[in-house]
Amino acid sequence: MIEKKEGQELPPFVKTWRQFYLLLIIWLVILILGFYLFTIYFR
């Protein structure tokens, strides 16, 4: 069987799963705010 090293499936710039999910949440908040401001600007 092939053993998976911890963090093997993570992107190289992320050290832990917690950091990955934190970056994901921040990215989603930025996208939501960006689309919201975009719709307000072109209203």
Protein backbone atom coordinates (compact mmCIF):
# COMPACT_ATOMS: atom_id res chain seq x y z
CA MET A 1 0.00 0.00 0.00
CA ILE A 2 1.12 3.57 -0.66
CA GLU A 3 1.35 5.66 2.49
CA LYS A 4 0.27 9.28 2.29
CA LYS A 5 2.41 11.80 4.10
CA GLU A 6 0.52 14.34 6.16
CA GLY A 7 -0.14 17.47 4.11
CA GLN A 8 0.70 15.71 0.86
CA GLU A 9 -2.55 16.77 -0.81
CA LEU A 10 -2.30 20.38 0.41
CA PRO A 11 -1.07 23.16 -1.87
CA PRO A 12 2.64 24.00 -1.34
CA PHE A 13 1.94 27.43 0.21
CA VAL A 14 -0.28 25.99 2.96
CA LYS A 15 1.16 24.18 5.98
CA THR A 16 -1.98 22.90 7.75
CA TRP A 17 -5.61 22.15 6.95
CA ARG A 18 -6.68 24.87 9.39
CA GLN A 19 -4.65 27.47 7.46
CA PHE A 20 -6.13 26.17 4.19
CA TYR A 21 -9.70 26.56 5.43
CA LEU A 22 -8.95 30.00 6.87
CA LEU A 23 -7.57 31.17 3.52
CA LEU A 24 -10.60 29.66 1.76
CA ILE A 25 -13.03 31.54 4.03
CA ILE A 26 -11.12 34.82 3.57
CA TRP A 27 -11.13 34.32 -0.22
CA LEU A 28 -14.89 33.67 -0.25
CA VAL A 29 -15.57 36.78 1.87
CA ILE A 30 -13.46 38.88 -0.52
CA LEU A 31 -15.39 37.50 -3.51
CA ILE A 32 -18.78 38.15 -1.87
CA LEU A 33 -17.81 41.72 -0.96
CA GLY A 34 -16.42 42.29 -4.45
CA PHE A 35 -19.61 41.14 -6.16
CA TYR A 36 -21.72 43.14 -3.70
CA LEU A 37 -19.75 46.33 -4.34
CA PHE A 38 -19.87 45.65 -8.08
CA THR A 39 -23.68 45.45 -8.00
CA ILE A 40 -23.94 48.59 -5.84
CA TYR A 41 -21.66 50.52 -8.23
CA PHE A 42 -23.66 49.60 -11.34
CA ARG A 43 -27.11 49.97 -9.79
